[in-house]
Amino acid sequence: MESIPFDKRSGKIWFNGKPLNWSDVKIHVLSHGLHYASCVFEGERVYDGEIFKLHEHTERYFILLQD
């Protein structure tokens, strides 16, 4: 299976508080979050305007923050 490079993907990604085109999102090569994992990320899917398994995602997020 061939993967699509991130800068060639279509659609939007949430970045700095707003949805942007994949190709417009740039991150500095020395980003602390990228190199040192100083960020926590939890992907959530939305179906019909509702976050799928919101309670489970939120619990997992807080568990990650405690470690």
PDB file of N, CA and C in Angstrom:
ATOM      1  N   MET A   1       0.836  -1.179   0.000  1.00  0.00           N
ATOM      2  CA  MET A   1       0.000   0.000   0.000  1.00  0.00           C
ATOM      3  C   MET A   1       0.888   1.252   0.000  1.00  0.00           C
ATOM      4  N   GLU A   2       0.617   2.138  -0.889  1.00  0.00           N
ATOM      5  CA  GLU A   2       1.389   3.373  -1.009  1.00  0.00           C
ATOM      6  C   GLU A   2       0.796   4.447  -0.107  1.00  0.00           C
ATOM      7  N   SER A   3       1.638   5.111   0.664  1.00  0.00           N
ATOM      8  CA  SER A   3       1.134   6.182   1.521  1.00  0.00           C
ATOM      9  C   SER A   3       1.305   7.532   0.822  1.00  0.00           C
ATOM     10  N   ILE A   4       0.404   8.436   1.149  1.00  0.00           N
ATOM     11  CA  ILE A   4       0.431   9.780   0.557  1.00  0.00           C
ATOM     12  C   ILE A   4       1.262  10.688   1.462  1.00  0.00           C
ATOM     13  N   PRO A   5       2.256  11.387   0.915  1.00  0.00           N
ATOM     14  CA  PRO A   5       3.039  12.312   1.746  1.00  0.00           C
ATOM     15  C   PRO A   5       2.125  13.365   2.380  1.00  0.00           C
ATOM     16  N   PHE A   6       2.457  13.795   3.589  1.00  0.00           N
ATOM     17  CA  PHE A   6       1.607  14.739   4.305  1.00  0.00           C
ATOM     18  C   PHE A   6       1.378  16.035   3.532  1.00  0.00           C
ATOM     19  N   ASP A   7       2.370  16.521   2.800  1.00  0.00           N
ATOM     20  CA  ASP A   7       2.201  17.782   2.071  1.00  0.00           C
ATOM     21  C   ASP A   7       1.413  17.613   0.778  1.00  0.00           C
ATOM     22  N   LYS A   8       1.038  16.386   0.438  1.00  0.00           N
ATOM     23  CA  LYS A   8       0.258  16.133  -0.778  1.00  0.00           C
ATOM     24  C   LYS A   8      -1.171  15.691  -0.468  1.00  0.00           C
ATOM     25  N   ARG A   9      -1.539  15.632   0.806  1.00  0.00           N
ATOM     26  CA  ARG A   9      -2.870  15.175   1.198  1.00  0.00           C
ATOM     27  C   ARG A   9      -3.914  16.254   0.951  1.00  0.00           C
ATOM     28  N   SER A  10      -5.117  15.807   0.667  1.00  0.00           N
ATOM     29  CA  SER A  10      -6.223  16.752   0.516  1.00  0.00           C
ATOM     30  C   SER A  10      -6.970  16.829   1.846  1.00  0.00           C
ATOM     31  N   GLY A  11      -7.812  17.812   1.979  1.00  0.00           N
ATOM     32  CA  GLY A  11      -8.592  17.957   3.197  1.00  0.00           C
ATOM     33  C   GLY A  11      -7.963  18.931   4.171  1.00  0.00           C
ATOM     34  N   LYS A  12      -8.514  18.943   5.362  1.00  0.00           N
ATOM     35  CA  LYS A  12      -8.111  19.899   6.393  1.00  0.00           C
ATOM     36  C   LYS A  12      -7.506  19.174   7.592  1.00  0.00           C
ATOM     37  N   ILE A  13      -6.685  19.915   8.350  1.00  0.00           N
ATOM     38  CA  ILE A  13      -6.127  19.453   9.609  1.00  0.00           C
ATOM     39  C   ILE A  13      -6.240  20.607  10.592  1.00  0.00           C
ATOM     40  N   TRP A  14      -6.540  20.278  11.860  1.00  0.00           N
ATOM     41  CA  TRP A  14      -6.666  21.310  12.888  1.00  0.00           C
ATOM     42  C   TRP A  14      -5.269  21.720  13.324  1.00  0.00           C
ATOM     43  N   PHE A  15      -4.944  22.999  13.215  1.00  0.00           N
ATOM     44  CA  PHE A  15      -3.607  23.488  13.531  1.00  0.00           C
ATOM     45  C   PHE A  15      -3.702  24.901  14.067  1.00  0.00           C
ATOM     46  N   ASN A  16      -3.152  25.130  15.245  1.00  0.00           N
ATOM     47  CA  ASN A  16      -3.169  26.452  15.882  1.00  0.00           C
ATOM     48  C   ASN A  16      -4.570  27.037  15.999  1.00  0.00           C
ATOM     49  N   GLY A  17      -5.519  26.186  16.361  1.00  0.00           N
ATOM     50  CA  GLY A  17      -6.869  26.664  16.640  1.00  0.00           C
ATOM     51  C   GLY A  17      -7.772  26.879  15.457  1.00  0.00           C
ATOM     52  N   LYS A  18      -7.382  26.387  14.269  1.00  0.00           N
ATOM     53  CA  LYS A  18      -8.265  26.531  13.114  1.00  0.00           C
ATOM     54  C   LYS A  18      -7.970  25.439  12.084  1.00  0.00           C
ATOM     55  N   PRO A  19      -8.963  25.107  11.260  1.00  0.00           N
ATOM     56  CA  PRO A  19      -8.731  24.097  10.224  1.00  0.00           C
ATOM     57  C   PRO A  19      -7.958  24.712   9.050  1.00  0.00           C
ATOM     58  N   LEU A  20      -6.891  24.031   8.640  1.00  0.00           N
ATOM     59  CA  LEU A  20      -6.076  24.493   7.513  1.00  0.00           C
ATOM     60  C   LEU A  20      -5.913  23.361   6.517  1.00  0.00           C
ATOM     61  N   ASN A  21      -5.610  23.715   5.283  1.00  0.00           N
ATOM     62  CA  ASN A  21      -5.276  22.697   4.290  1.00  0.00           C
ATOM     63  C   ASN A  21      -3.988  21.993   4.709  1.00  0.00           C
ATOM     64  N   TRP A  22      -3.920  20.688   4.473  1.00  0.00           N
ATOM     65  CA  TRP A  22      -2.714  19.926   4.804  1.00  0.00           C
ATOM     66  C   TRP A  22      -1.462  20.608   4.259  1.00  0.00           C
ATOM     67  N   SER A  23      -1.532  21.046   3.013  1.00  0.00           N
ATOM     68  CA  SER A  23      -0.347  21.606   2.353  1.00  0.00           C
ATOM     69  C   SER A  23       0.088  22.952   2.938  1.00  0.00           C
ATOM     70  N   ASP A  24      -0.798  23.614   3.692  1.00  0.00           N
ATOM     71  CA  ASP A  24      -0.466  24.918   4.266  1.00  0.00           C
ATOM     72  C   ASP A  24       0.142  24.834   5.667  1.00  0.00           C
ATOM     73  N   VAL A  25       0.102  23.661   6.268  1.00  0.00           N
ATOM     74  CA  VAL A  25       0.606  23.503   7.634  1.00  0.00           C
ATOM     75  C   VAL A  25       2.105  23.241   7.591  1.00  0.00           C
ATOM     76  N   LYS A  26       2.830  24.064   8.309  1.00  0.00           N
ATOM     77  CA  LYS A  26       4.288  23.929   8.387  1.00  0.00           C
ATOM     78  C   LYS A  26       4.679  23.865   9.852  1.00  0.00           C
ATOM     79  N   ILE A  27       5.635  23.014  10.188  1.00  0.00           N
ATOM     80  CA  ILE A  27       6.138  22.913  11.548  1.00  0.00           C
ATOM     81  C   ILE A  27       7.657  22.994  11.484  1.00  0.00           C
ATOM     82  N   HIS A  28       8.240  23.761  12.381  1.00  0.00           N
ATOM     83  CA  HIS A  28       9.686  23.953  12.372  1.00  0.00           C
ATOM     84  C   HIS A  28      10.394  22.641  12.690  1.00  0.00           C
ATOM     85  N   VAL A  29      11.500  22.379  12.046  1.00  0.00           N
ATOM     86  CA  VAL A  29      12.255  21.145  12.217  1.00  0.00           C
ATOM     87  C   VAL A  29      12.746  20.981  13.657  1.00  0.00           C
ATOM     88  N   LEU A  30      12.890  22.061  14.400  1.00  0.00           N
ATOM     89  CA  LEU A  30      13.355  21.994  15.779  1.00  0.00           C
ATOM     90  C   LEU A  30      12.211  22.071  16.796  1.00  0.00           C
ATOM     91  N   SER A  31      11.004  21.798  16.352  1.00  0.00           N
ATOM     92  CA  SER A  31       9.846  21.853  17.246  1.00  0.00           C
ATOM     93  C   SER A  31      10.054  20.958  18.470  1.00  0.00           C
ATOM     94  N   HIS A  32       9.890  21.550  19.646  1.00  0.00           N
ATOM     95  CA  HIS A  32      10.077  20.809  20.898  1.00  0.00           C
ATOM     96  C   HIS A  32       9.086  19.653  21.002  1.00  0.00           C
ATOM     97  N   GLY A  33       7.846  19.878  20.610  1.00  0.00           N
ATOM     98  CA  GLY A  33       6.833  18.825  20.675  1.00  0.00           C
ATOM     99  C   GLY A  33       7.159  17.643  19.790  1.00  0.00           C
ATOM    100  N   LEU A  34       7.750  17.891  18.641  1.00  0.00           N
ATOM    101  CA  LEU A  34       8.118  16.830  17.708  1.00  0.00           C
ATOM    102  C   LEU A  34       9.297  16.020  18.231  1.00  0.00           C
ATOM    103  N   HIS A  35      10.334  16.691  18.701  1.00  0.00           N
ATOM    104  CA  HIS A  35      11.562  15.999  19.099  1.00  0.00           C
ATOM    105  C   HIS A  35      11.515  15.403  20.504  1.00  0.00           C
ATOM    106  N   TYR A  36      10.823  16.066  21.410  1.00  0.00           N
ATOM    107  CA  TYR A  36      10.854  15.642  22.805  1.00  0.00           C
ATOM    108  C   TYR A  36       9.497  15.164  23.316  1.00  0.00           C
ATOM    109  N   ALA A  37       8.535  15.046  22.439  1.00  0.00           N
ATOM    110  CA  ALA A  37       7.197  14.569  22.816  1.00  0.00           C
ATOM    111  C   ALA A  37       6.642  15.331  24.012  1.00  0.00           C
ATOM    112  N   SER A  38       6.780  16.648  23.982  1.00  0.00           N
ATOM    113  CA  SER A  38       6.285  17.470  25.079  1.00  0.00           C
ATOM    114  C   SER A  38       4.811  17.832  24.909  1.00  0.00           C
ATOM    115  N   CYS A  39       4.151  17.199  23.955  1.00  0.00           N
ATOM    116  CA  CYS A  39       2.737  17.447  23.690  1.00  0.00           C
ATOM    117  C   CYS A  39       1.962  16.141  23.828  1.00  0.00           C
ATOM    118  N   VAL A  40       0.687  16.273  24.115  1.00  0.00           N
ATOM    119  CA  VAL A  40      -0.208  15.120  24.157  1.00  0.00           C
ATOM    120  C   VAL A  40      -1.226  15.309  23.049  1.00  0.00           C
ATOM    121  N   PHE A  41      -1.446  14.258  22.277  1.00  0.00           N
ATOM    122  CA  PHE A  41      -2.393  14.328  21.166  1.00  0.00           C
ATOM    123  C   PHE A  41      -3.397  13.204  21.311  1.00  0.00           C
ATOM    124  N   GLU A  42      -4.645  13.525  21.165  1.00  0.00           N
ATOM    125  CA  GLU A  42      -5.700  12.514  21.177  1.00  0.00           C
ATOM    126  C   GLU A  42      -6.600  12.792  19.982  1.00  0.00           C
ATOM    127  N   GLY A  43      -6.582  11.895  19.006  1.00  0.00           N
ATOM    128  CA  GLY A  43      -7.435  12.053  17.830  1.00  0.00           C
ATOM    129  C   GLY A  43      -8.859  11.643  18.143  1.00  0.00           C
ATOM    130  N   GLU A  44      -9.811  12.416  17.696  1.00  0.00           N
ATOM    131  CA  GLU A  44     -11.221  12.112  17.947  1.00  0.00           C
ATOM    132  C   GLU A  44     -12.000  12.222  16.651  1.00  0.00           C
ATOM    133  N   ARG A  45     -12.841  11.234  16.405  1.00  0.00           N
ATOM    134  CA  ARG A  45     -13.688  11.251  15.209  1.00  0.00           C
ATOM    135  C   ARG A  45     -15.040  11.866  15.537  1.00  0.00           C
ATOM    136  N   VAL A  46     -15.625  12.519  14.551  1.00  0.00           N
ATOM    137  CA  VAL A  46     -16.944  13.133  14.722  1.00  0.00           C
ATOM    138  C   VAL A  46     -17.898  12.527  13.709  1.00  0.00           C
ATOM    139  N   TYR A  47     -19.033  12.062  14.204  1.00  0.00           N
ATOM    140  CA  TYR A  47     -20.087  11.510  13.347  1.00  0.00           C
ATOM    141  C   TYR A  47     -21.372  12.273  13.615  1.00  0.00           C
ATOM    142  N   ASP A  48     -21.972  12.807  12.579  1.00  0.00           N
ATOM    143  CA  ASP A  48     -23.223  13.564  12.692  1.00  0.00           C
ATOM    144  C   ASP A  48     -23.138  14.652  13.760  1.00  0.00           C
ATOM    145  N   GLY A  49     -21.978  15.316  13.843  1.00  0.00           N
ATOM    146  CA  GLY A  49     -21.810  16.427  14.759  1.00  0.00           C
ATOM    147  C   GLY A  49     -21.518  16.037  16.200  1.00  0.00           C
ATOM    148  N   GLU A  50     -21.369  14.735  16.476  1.00  0.00           N
ATOM    149  CA  GLU A  50     -21.091  14.262  17.836  1.00  0.00           C
ATOM    150  C   GLU A  50     -19.728  13.592  17.886  1.00  0.00           C
ATOM    151  N   ILE A  51     -18.938  13.900  18.923  1.00  0.00           N
ATOM    152  CA  ILE A  51     -17.632  13.263  19.087  1.00  0.00           C
ATOM    153  C   ILE A  51     -17.836  11.816  19.501  1.00  0.00           C
ATOM    154  N   PHE A  52     -17.249  10.895  18.739  1.00  0.00           N
ATOM    155  CA  PHE A  52     -17.365   9.462  18.985  1.00  0.00           C
ATOM    156  C   PHE A  52     -16.585   9.089  20.246  1.00  0.00           C
ATOM    157  N   LYS A  53     -17.275   8.458  21.194  1.00  0.00           N
ATOM    158  CA  LYS A  53     -16.675   7.998  22.453  1.00  0.00           C
ATOM    159  C   LYS A  53     -15.955   9.133  23.194  1.00  0.00           C
ATOM    160  N   LEU A  54     -16.635  10.260  23.319  1.00  0.00           N
ATOM    161  CA  LEU A  54     -16.057  11.426  23.981  1.00  0.00           C
ATOM    162  C   LEU A  54     -15.579  11.097  25.393  1.00  0.00           C
ATOM    163  N   HIS A  55     -16.394  10.391  26.173  1.00  0.00           N
ATOM    164  CA  HIS A  55     -16.039  10.069  27.553  1.00  0.00           C
ATOM    165  C   HIS A  55     -14.751   9.249  27.615  1.00  0.00           C
ATOM    166  N   GLU A  56     -14.645   8.222  26.769  1.00  0.00           N
ATOM    167  CA  GLU A  56     -13.456   7.372  26.753  1.00  0.00           C
ATOM    168  C   GLU A  56     -12.215   8.159  26.331  1.00  0.00           C
ATOM    169  N   HIS A  57     -12.352   9.018  25.321  1.00  0.00           N
ATOM    170  CA  HIS A  57     -11.226   9.835  24.869  1.00  0.00           C
ATOM    171  C   HIS A  57     -10.757  10.780  25.977  1.00  0.00           C
ATOM    172  N   THR A  58     -11.708  11.396  26.653  1.00  0.00           N
ATOM    173  CA  THR A  58     -11.371  12.351  27.706  1.00  0.00           C
ATOM    174  C   THR A  58     -10.672  11.651  28.870  1.00  0.00           C
ATOM    175  N   GLU A  59     -11.167  10.483  29.264  1.00  0.00           N
ATOM    176  CA  GLU A  59     -10.510   9.722  30.332  1.00  0.00           C
ATOM    177  C   GLU A  59      -9.075   9.372  29.949  1.00  0.00           C
ATOM    178  N   ARG A  60      -8.878   8.879  28.725  1.00  0.00           N
ATOM    179  CA  ARG A  60      -7.547   8.493  28.266  1.00  0.00           C
ATOM    180  C   ARG A  60      -6.616   9.710  28.239  1.00  0.00           C
ATOM    181  N   TYR A  61      -7.129  10.834  27.834  1.00  0.00           N
ATOM    182  CA  TYR A  61      -6.337  12.071  27.771  1.00  0.00           C
ATOM    183  C   TYR A  61      -5.811  12.433  29.160  1.00  0.00           C
ATOM    184  N   PHE A  62      -6.686  12.409  30.165  1.00  0.00           N
ATOM    185  CA  PHE A  62      -6.254  12.769  31.517  1.00  0.00           C
ATOM    186  C   PHE A  62      -5.300  11.751  32.109  1.00  0.00           C
ATOM    187  N   ILE A  63      -5.457  10.482  31.761  1.00  0.00           N
ATOM    188  CA  ILE A  63      -4.505   9.457  32.212  1.00  0.00           C
ATOM    189  C   ILE A  63      -3.119   9.747  31.614  1.00  0.00           C
ATOM    190  N   LEU A  64      -3.060  10.115  30.340  1.00  0.00           N
ATOM    191  CA  LEU A  64      -1.783  10.440  29.702  1.00  0.00           C
ATOM    192  C   LEU A  64      -1.110  11.639  30.361  1.00  0.00           C
ATOM    193  N   LEU A  65      -1.901  12.601  30.774  1.00  0.00           N
ATOM    194  CA  LEU A  65      -1.338  13.797  31.397  1.00  0.00           C
ATOM    195  C   LEU A  65      -0.746  13.523  32.777  1.00  0.00           C
ATOM    196  N   GLN A  66      -1.208  12.474  33.440  1.00  0.00           N
ATOM    197  CA  GLN A  66      -0.715  12.135  34.786  1.00  0.00           C
ATOM    198  C   GLN A  66       0.627  11.416  34.737  1.00  0.00           C
ATOM    199  N   ASP A  67       0.906  10.719  33.661  1.00  0.00           N
ATOM    200  CA  ASP A  67       2.138   9.904  33.585  1.00  0.00           C
ATOM    201  C   ASP A  67       3.376  10.731  33.409  1.00  0.00           C
TER     202      ASP A  67
END
